[in-house]
Amino acid sequence: MLKKDKIKIAVVSTLVVLLITSYIIVGKDSIVMKYVSGFCLLAWVATMVITNKIFK
């Protein structure tokens, strides 16, 4: 497995755990959940851009 794939798997698993934890603690319709999901989306896009730029 490539190094960039390992990085992506680690990031996505961390983000999924963060999303599930915030869903359990605050609930689906909370404003905190919306901020967490937005942060996870931005973090995932940034990870994709950075890893694709570094490991060409």
Protein backbone atom coordinates (compact mmCIF):
# COMPACT_ATOMS: atom_id res chain seq x y z
CA MET A 1 0.00 0.00 0.00
CA LEU A 2 1.28 3.44 -0.85
CA LYS A 3 2.20 5.96 1.82
CA LYS A 4 -0.42 8.46 0.61
CA ASP A 5 -3.11 5.80 0.89
CA LYS A 6 -2.07 5.07 4.47
CA ILE A 7 -2.28 8.78 5.29
CA LYS A 8 -5.75 9.04 3.74
CA ILE A 9 -7.00 5.98 5.65
CA ALA A 10 -5.68 7.38 8.94
CA VAL A 11 -7.31 10.76 8.34
CA VAL A 12 -10.66 9.36 7.26
CA SER A 13 -10.81 6.97 10.20
CA THR A 14 -10.06 9.82 12.61
CA LEU A 15 -12.73 12.00 11.03
CA VAL A 16 -15.32 9.22 11.15
CA VAL A 17 -14.62 8.64 14.84
CA LEU A 18 -14.96 12.39 15.45
CA LEU A 19 -18.28 12.50 13.60
CA ILE A 20 -19.70 9.48 15.41
CA THR A 21 -18.61 10.80 18.80
CA SER A 22 -20.15 14.22 18.22
CA TYR A 23 -23.34 12.58 16.90
CA ILE A 24 -23.67 10.48 20.05
CA ILE A 25 -22.88 13.34 22.44
CA VAL A 26 -24.82 16.29 20.98
CA GLY A 27 -27.30 14.74 18.55
CA LYS A 28 -28.08 15.09 14.88
CA ASP A 29 -29.71 18.53 14.79
CA SER A 30 -27.24 20.38 17.00
CA ILE A 31 -25.28 23.34 15.70
CA VAL A 32 -22.11 21.68 17.07
CA MET A 33 -22.71 18.69 14.81
CA LYS A 34 -23.00 20.97 11.80
CA TYR A 35 -19.70 22.68 12.62
CA VAL A 36 -17.98 19.34 13.19
CA SER A 37 -19.24 17.96 9.89
CA GLY A 38 -18.12 21.11 8.09
CA PHE A 39 -14.69 20.86 9.68
CA CYS A 40 -14.44 17.20 8.67
CA LEU A 41 -15.33 18.05 5.09
CA LEU A 42 -12.70 20.79 4.93
CA ALA A 43 -10.10 18.55 6.57
CA TRP A 44 -10.79 15.77 4.06
CA VAL A 45 -10.53 18.09 1.06
CA ALA A 46 -7.32 19.59 2.43
CA THR A 47 -5.89 16.12 2.98
CA MET A 48 -6.71 15.10 -0.58
CA VAL A 49 -5.14 18.25 -2.04
CA ILE A 50 -2.01 18.07 0.10
CA THR A 51 -1.34 14.37 -0.39
CA ASN A 52 -1.92 14.55 -4.12
CA LYS A 53 0.39 17.55 -4.38
CA ILE A 54 3.19 16.01 -2.30
CA PHE A 55 3.08 12.45 -3.68
CA LYS A 56 2.89 13.09 -7.42
